[in-house]
Amino acid sequence: MREMRNGSVERNISSGVVKITDYADRLIDGLKDTDFIEKVKAAQINWIGRKDGINIDFEIKGTDRKLTVFTTTPVNFGATFLVVAPEHQFVSDIGSRKIWGEW
């Protein structure tokens, strides 16, 4: 168990949940052989959530660090901002340093 900066608690809980993304291709491809209506197939595909895209590395100005971002729409490589989850390692690494005006 780990306490987060915002006061919430992160816990590791073992469960019988299967990581569906490991089976996404097989599940989606298997839908082709079913008799479900297209609306149901589309709903299942959206629920499974397989996404095709690329990873883009963004260098952090003034450091040797980079953030890798997955995107399904690499139309324009110019980004206005990046959002980082509070539990991401990068947030822990920057700590309380005054960086936002510098980077």
N, C-alpha and C. Protein backbone atom coordinates (compact mmCIF):
# COMPACT_ATOMS: atom_id res chain seq x y z
N MET A 1 0.85 -1.17 0.00
CA MET A 1 0.00 0.00 0.00
C MET A 1 0.90 1.23 0.00
N ARG A 2 0.49 2.26 -0.77
CA ARG A 2 1.30 3.47 -0.91
C ARG A 2 0.38 4.68 -0.87
N GLU A 3 0.75 5.65 -0.05
CA GLU A 3 -0.06 6.87 0.02
C GLU A 3 0.39 7.81 -1.08
N MET A 4 -0.58 8.38 -1.79
CA MET A 4 -0.31 9.27 -2.90
C MET A 4 -0.27 10.72 -2.39
N ARG A 5 0.25 11.62 -3.21
CA ARG A 5 0.36 13.03 -2.84
C ARG A 5 -0.98 13.68 -2.54
N ASN A 6 -2.02 13.23 -3.22
CA ASN A 6 -3.33 13.84 -3.02
C ASN A 6 -4.09 13.24 -1.84
N GLY A 7 -3.44 12.37 -1.07
CA GLY A 7 -4.06 11.78 0.10
C GLY A 7 -4.74 10.45 -0.16
N SER A 8 -4.89 10.07 -1.44
CA SER A 8 -5.49 8.78 -1.74
C SER A 8 -4.48 7.67 -1.47
N VAL A 9 -4.95 6.45 -1.50
CA VAL A 9 -4.09 5.30 -1.21
C VAL A 9 -4.12 4.35 -2.40
N GLU A 10 -2.95 3.92 -2.84
CA GLU A 10 -2.84 2.95 -3.92
C GLU A 10 -2.57 1.59 -3.28
N ARG A 11 -3.39 0.59 -3.64
CA ARG A 11 -3.23 -0.74 -3.07
C ARG A 11 -3.04 -1.76 -4.19
N ASN A 12 -2.25 -2.78 -3.92
CA ASN A 12 -2.13 -3.91 -4.82
C ASN A 12 -3.13 -4.96 -4.38
N ILE A 13 -4.06 -5.29 -5.24
CA ILE A 13 -5.10 -6.26 -4.92
C ILE A 13 -5.02 -7.40 -5.93
N SER A 14 -4.84 -8.60 -5.45
CA SER A 14 -4.82 -9.73 -6.37
C SER A 14 -6.25 -10.10 -6.71
N SER A 15 -6.46 -10.45 -7.95
CA SER A 15 -7.80 -10.83 -8.38
C SER A 15 -7.69 -11.77 -9.56
N GLY A 16 -8.81 -12.25 -10.00
CA GLY A 16 -8.85 -13.18 -11.12
C GLY A 16 -9.12 -12.49 -12.43
N VAL A 17 -8.86 -11.21 -12.52
CA VAL A 17 -9.14 -10.45 -13.74
C VAL A 17 -8.05 -10.74 -14.77
N VAL A 18 -8.47 -10.98 -16.00
CA VAL A 18 -7.54 -11.23 -17.10
C VAL A 18 -7.24 -9.91 -17.77
N LYS A 19 -5.97 -9.69 -18.08
CA LYS A 19 -5.59 -8.48 -18.80
C LYS A 19 -6.05 -8.63 -20.25
N ILE A 20 -7.20 -8.06 -20.54
CA ILE A 20 -7.87 -8.27 -21.83
C ILE A 20 -7.04 -7.77 -23.01
N THR A 21 -6.18 -6.78 -22.77
CA THR A 21 -5.39 -6.26 -23.89
C THR A 21 -4.44 -7.31 -24.44
N ASP A 22 -4.06 -8.32 -23.63
CA ASP A 22 -3.20 -9.38 -24.14
C ASP A 22 -3.91 -10.26 -25.16
N TYR A 23 -5.23 -10.23 -25.16
CA TYR A 23 -6.03 -11.08 -26.03
C TYR A 23 -6.87 -10.29 -27.03
N ALA A 24 -6.65 -9.00 -27.12
CA ALA A 24 -7.50 -8.13 -27.94
C ALA A 24 -7.58 -8.58 -29.39
N ASP A 25 -6.46 -8.90 -30.01
CA ASP A 25 -6.47 -9.30 -31.42
C ASP A 25 -7.31 -10.55 -31.63
N ARG A 26 -7.11 -11.55 -30.78
CA ARG A 26 -7.87 -12.80 -30.92
C ARG A 26 -9.37 -12.57 -30.70
N LEU A 27 -9.71 -11.76 -29.72
CA LEU A 27 -11.12 -11.49 -29.45
C LEU A 27 -11.79 -10.76 -30.61
N ILE A 28 -11.13 -9.72 -31.11
CA ILE A 28 -11.71 -8.94 -32.20
C ILE A 28 -11.79 -9.77 -33.48
N ASP A 29 -10.71 -10.50 -33.79
CA ASP A 29 -10.73 -11.33 -35.00
C ASP A 29 -11.79 -12.42 -34.90
N GLY A 30 -12.03 -12.94 -33.70
CA GLY A 30 -13.04 -13.97 -33.50
C GLY A 30 -14.45 -13.48 -33.73
N LEU A 31 -14.66 -12.20 -33.60
CA LEU A 31 -16.00 -11.64 -33.83
C LEU A 31 -16.43 -11.77 -35.30
N LYS A 32 -15.46 -11.88 -36.21
CA LYS A 32 -15.78 -12.01 -37.64
C LYS A 32 -16.60 -13.27 -37.93
N ASP A 33 -16.38 -14.30 -37.12
CA ASP A 33 -17.05 -15.59 -37.35
C ASP A 33 -18.36 -15.73 -36.58
N THR A 34 -18.85 -14.67 -35.98
CA THR A 34 -20.10 -14.76 -35.20
C THR A 34 -21.28 -14.26 -36.01
N ASP A 35 -22.47 -14.59 -35.53
CA ASP A 35 -23.70 -14.16 -36.20
C ASP A 35 -24.31 -12.92 -35.56
N PHE A 36 -23.54 -12.22 -34.73
CA PHE A 36 -24.07 -11.03 -34.07
C PHE A 36 -24.30 -9.93 -35.10
N ILE A 37 -25.25 -9.04 -34.79
CA ILE A 37 -25.47 -7.89 -35.67
C ILE A 37 -24.28 -6.94 -35.57
N GLU A 38 -24.08 -6.16 -36.60
CA GLU A 38 -22.91 -5.28 -36.66
C GLU A 38 -22.85 -4.31 -35.48
N LYS A 39 -24.00 -3.84 -35.02
CA LYS A 39 -24.04 -2.92 -33.89
C LYS A 39 -23.45 -3.57 -32.63
N VAL A 40 -23.76 -4.84 -32.41
CA VAL A 40 -23.23 -5.57 -31.25
C VAL A 40 -21.73 -5.80 -31.41
N LYS A 41 -21.31 -6.17 -32.61
CA LYS A 41 -19.87 -6.38 -32.87
C LYS A 41 -19.09 -5.09 -32.62
N ALA A 42 -19.63 -3.96 -33.10
CA ALA A 42 -18.95 -2.67 -32.91
C ALA A 42 -18.85 -2.33 -31.43
N ALA A 43 -19.90 -2.59 -30.68
CA ALA A 43 -19.88 -2.33 -29.24
C ALA A 43 -18.81 -3.18 -28.55
N GLN A 44 -18.70 -4.44 -28.95
CA GLN A 44 -17.70 -5.32 -28.36
C GLN A 44 -16.28 -4.86 -28.70
N ILE A 45 -16.07 -4.47 -29.94
CA ILE A 45 -14.75 -3.99 -30.36
C ILE A 45 -14.37 -2.74 -29.57
N ASN A 46 -15.32 -1.83 -29.39
CA ASN A 46 -15.04 -0.61 -28.61
C ASN A 46 -14.77 -0.94 -27.15
N TRP A 47 -15.47 -1.93 -26.60
CA TRP A 47 -15.25 -2.31 -25.20
C TRP A 47 -13.89 -2.95 -25.02
N ILE A 48 -13.48 -3.80 -25.98
CA ILE A 48 -12.17 -4.45 -25.90
C ILE A 48 -11.09 -3.39 -25.96
N GLY A 49 -11.25 -2.43 -26.82
CA GLY A 49 -10.39 -1.26 -26.80
C GLY A 49 -9.05 -1.38 -27.47
N ARG A 50 -8.89 -2.25 -28.43
CA ARG A 50 -7.59 -2.31 -29.13
C ARG A 50 -7.41 -1.03 -29.92
N LYS A 51 -6.26 -0.45 -29.82
CA LYS A 51 -5.95 0.76 -30.57
C LYS A 51 -4.65 0.57 -31.33
N ASP A 52 -4.63 0.99 -32.56
CA ASP A 52 -3.41 1.00 -33.36
C ASP A 52 -2.87 2.42 -33.33
N GLY A 53 -1.58 2.55 -33.15
CA GLY A 53 -0.97 3.87 -33.10
C GLY A 53 0.53 3.76 -33.00
N ILE A 54 1.16 4.84 -32.56
CA ILE A 54 2.62 4.87 -32.42
C ILE A 54 2.98 5.52 -31.08
N ASN A 55 4.21 5.26 -30.65
CA ASN A 55 4.78 5.95 -29.50
C ASN A 55 5.65 7.10 -30.01
N ILE A 56 5.49 8.26 -29.39
CA ILE A 56 6.30 9.43 -29.74
C ILE A 56 7.08 9.84 -28.49
N ASP A 57 8.39 10.05 -28.64
CA ASP A 57 9.22 10.50 -27.52
C ASP A 57 9.31 12.01 -27.54
N PHE A 58 9.00 12.63 -26.40
CA PHE A 58 9.15 14.07 -26.23
C PHE A 58 10.30 14.31 -25.28
N GLU A 59 11.31 15.05 -25.73
CA GLU A 59 12.44 15.39 -24.88
C GLU A 59 12.04 16.52 -23.94
N ILE A 60 12.48 16.43 -22.70
CA ILE A 60 12.20 17.48 -21.71
C ILE A 60 13.33 18.48 -21.76
N LYS A 61 13.02 19.69 -22.15
CA LYS A 61 14.00 20.76 -22.35
C LYS A 61 14.89 20.93 -21.12
N GLY A 62 16.19 21.02 -21.35
CA GLY A 62 17.14 21.27 -20.28
C GLY A 62 17.51 20.04 -19.46
N THR A 63 17.06 18.86 -19.90
CA THR A 63 17.38 17.63 -19.18
C THR A 63 17.74 16.55 -20.19
N ASP A 64 18.14 15.40 -19.67
CA ASP A 64 18.35 14.25 -20.55
C ASP A 64 17.15 13.31 -20.51
N ARG A 65 16.04 13.80 -19.98
CA ARG A 65 14.82 13.00 -19.82
C ARG A 65 13.95 13.09 -21.06
N LYS A 66 13.08 12.09 -21.21
CA LYS A 66 12.07 12.11 -22.26
C LYS A 66 10.81 11.43 -21.72
N LEU A 67 9.67 11.80 -22.29
CA LEU A 67 8.40 11.15 -22.00
C LEU A 67 7.92 10.50 -23.29
N THR A 68 7.52 9.25 -23.19
CA THR A 68 7.00 8.53 -24.34
C THR A 68 5.48 8.56 -24.26
N VAL A 69 4.85 8.98 -25.36
CA VAL A 69 3.40 9.13 -25.41
C VAL A 69 2.86 8.27 -26.53
N PHE A 70 1.80 7.49 -26.24
CA PHE A 70 1.12 6.70 -27.26
C PHE A 70 0.01 7.55 -27.87
N THR A 71 -0.09 7.53 -29.18
CA THR A 71 -1.17 8.27 -29.84
C THR A 71 -1.73 7.45 -30.99
N THR A 72 -3.04 7.55 -31.18
CA THR A 72 -3.69 6.89 -32.30
C THR A 72 -3.84 7.84 -33.48
N THR A 73 -3.50 9.10 -33.26
CA THR A 73 -3.65 10.10 -34.32
C THR A 73 -2.38 10.95 -34.44
N PRO A 74 -1.33 10.38 -35.02
CA PRO A 74 -0.07 11.12 -35.16
C PRO A 74 -0.09 12.07 -36.35
N VAL A 75 -1.14 12.86 -36.46
CA VAL A 75 -1.31 13.76 -37.60
C VAL A 75 -0.28 14.88 -37.55
N ASN A 76 -0.11 15.46 -36.36
CA ASN A 76 0.78 16.60 -36.21
C ASN A 76 1.68 16.34 -35.02
N PHE A 77 2.99 16.38 -35.22
CA PHE A 77 3.91 16.08 -34.14
C PHE A 77 4.15 17.27 -33.22
N GLY A 78 3.48 18.38 -33.44
CA GLY A 78 3.58 19.51 -32.53
C GLY A 78 2.53 19.35 -31.44
N ALA A 79 2.95 19.28 -30.21
CA ALA A 79 2.00 19.11 -29.10
C ALA A 79 1.96 20.39 -28.28
N THR A 80 0.77 20.76 -27.84
CA THR A 80 0.61 21.94 -26.99
C THR A 80 0.94 21.62 -25.55
N PHE A 81 0.54 20.42 -25.09
CA PHE A 81 0.83 20.01 -23.71
C PHE A 81 0.78 18.50 -23.61
N LEU A 82 1.35 17.96 -22.54
CA LEU A 82 1.28 16.54 -22.21
C LEU A 82 0.67 16.43 -20.82
N VAL A 83 -0.13 15.42 -20.63
CA VAL A 83 -0.73 15.17 -19.32
C VAL A 83 -0.08 13.91 -18.76
N VAL A 84 0.38 13.99 -17.50
CA VAL A 84 1.03 12.87 -16.85
C VAL A 84 0.19 12.47 -15.64
N ALA A 85 -0.10 11.18 -15.52
CA ALA A 85 -0.86 10.69 -14.37
C ALA A 85 -0.07 10.91 -13.09
N PRO A 86 -0.74 11.23 -11.99
CA PRO A 86 -0.04 11.52 -10.74
C PRO A 86 0.82 10.36 -10.25
N GLU A 87 0.48 9.13 -10.60
CA GLU A 87 1.27 7.99 -10.14
C GLU A 87 2.41 7.63 -11.08
N HIS A 88 2.59 8.38 -12.17
CA HIS A 88 3.68 8.12 -13.11
C HIS A 88 5.02 8.39 -12.43
N GLN A 89 6.01 7.59 -12.74
CA GLN A 89 7.33 7.73 -12.15
C GLN A 89 7.92 9.11 -12.36
N PHE A 90 7.64 9.74 -13.49
CA PHE A 90 8.16 11.07 -13.78
C PHE A 90 7.75 12.08 -12.71
N VAL A 91 6.52 11.98 -12.22
CA VAL A 91 6.04 12.91 -11.19
C VAL A 91 6.85 12.73 -9.91
N SER A 92 7.11 11.48 -9.54
CA SER A 92 7.93 11.22 -8.34
C SER A 92 9.35 11.74 -8.53
N ASP A 93 9.89 11.58 -9.73
CA ASP A 93 11.27 11.99 -10.00
C ASP A 93 11.47 13.49 -9.90
N ILE A 94 10.48 14.28 -10.32
CA ILE A 94 10.67 15.72 -10.29
C ILE A 94 10.50 16.29 -8.90
N GLY A 95 9.81 15.56 -8.03
CA GLY A 95 9.66 15.98 -6.64
C GLY A 95 9.14 17.38 -6.51
N SER A 96 9.72 18.14 -5.61
CA SER A 96 9.23 19.49 -5.35
C SER A 96 10.05 20.56 -6.07
N ARG A 97 10.90 20.15 -7.01
CA ARG A 97 11.73 21.13 -7.73
C ARG A 97 10.86 22.12 -8.49
N LYS A 98 11.31 23.34 -8.54
CA LYS A 98 10.60 24.35 -9.33
C LYS A 98 11.02 24.17 -10.78
N ILE A 99 10.16 23.52 -11.54
CA ILE A 99 10.58 23.18 -12.90
C ILE A 99 9.64 23.73 -13.96
N TRP A 100 8.41 24.01 -13.60
CA TRP A 100 7.43 24.28 -14.65
C TRP A 100 7.78 25.49 -15.49
N GLY A 101 8.40 26.49 -14.92
CA GLY A 101 8.80 27.64 -15.71
C GLY A 101 10.08 27.39 -16.47
N GLU A 102 10.85 26.37 -16.07
CA GLU A 102 12.14 26.11 -16.68
C GLU A 102 12.08 25.14 -17.84
N TRP A 103 11.13 24.22 -17.82
CA TRP A 103 11.11 23.17 -18.84
C TRP A 103 10.22 23.54 -19.96
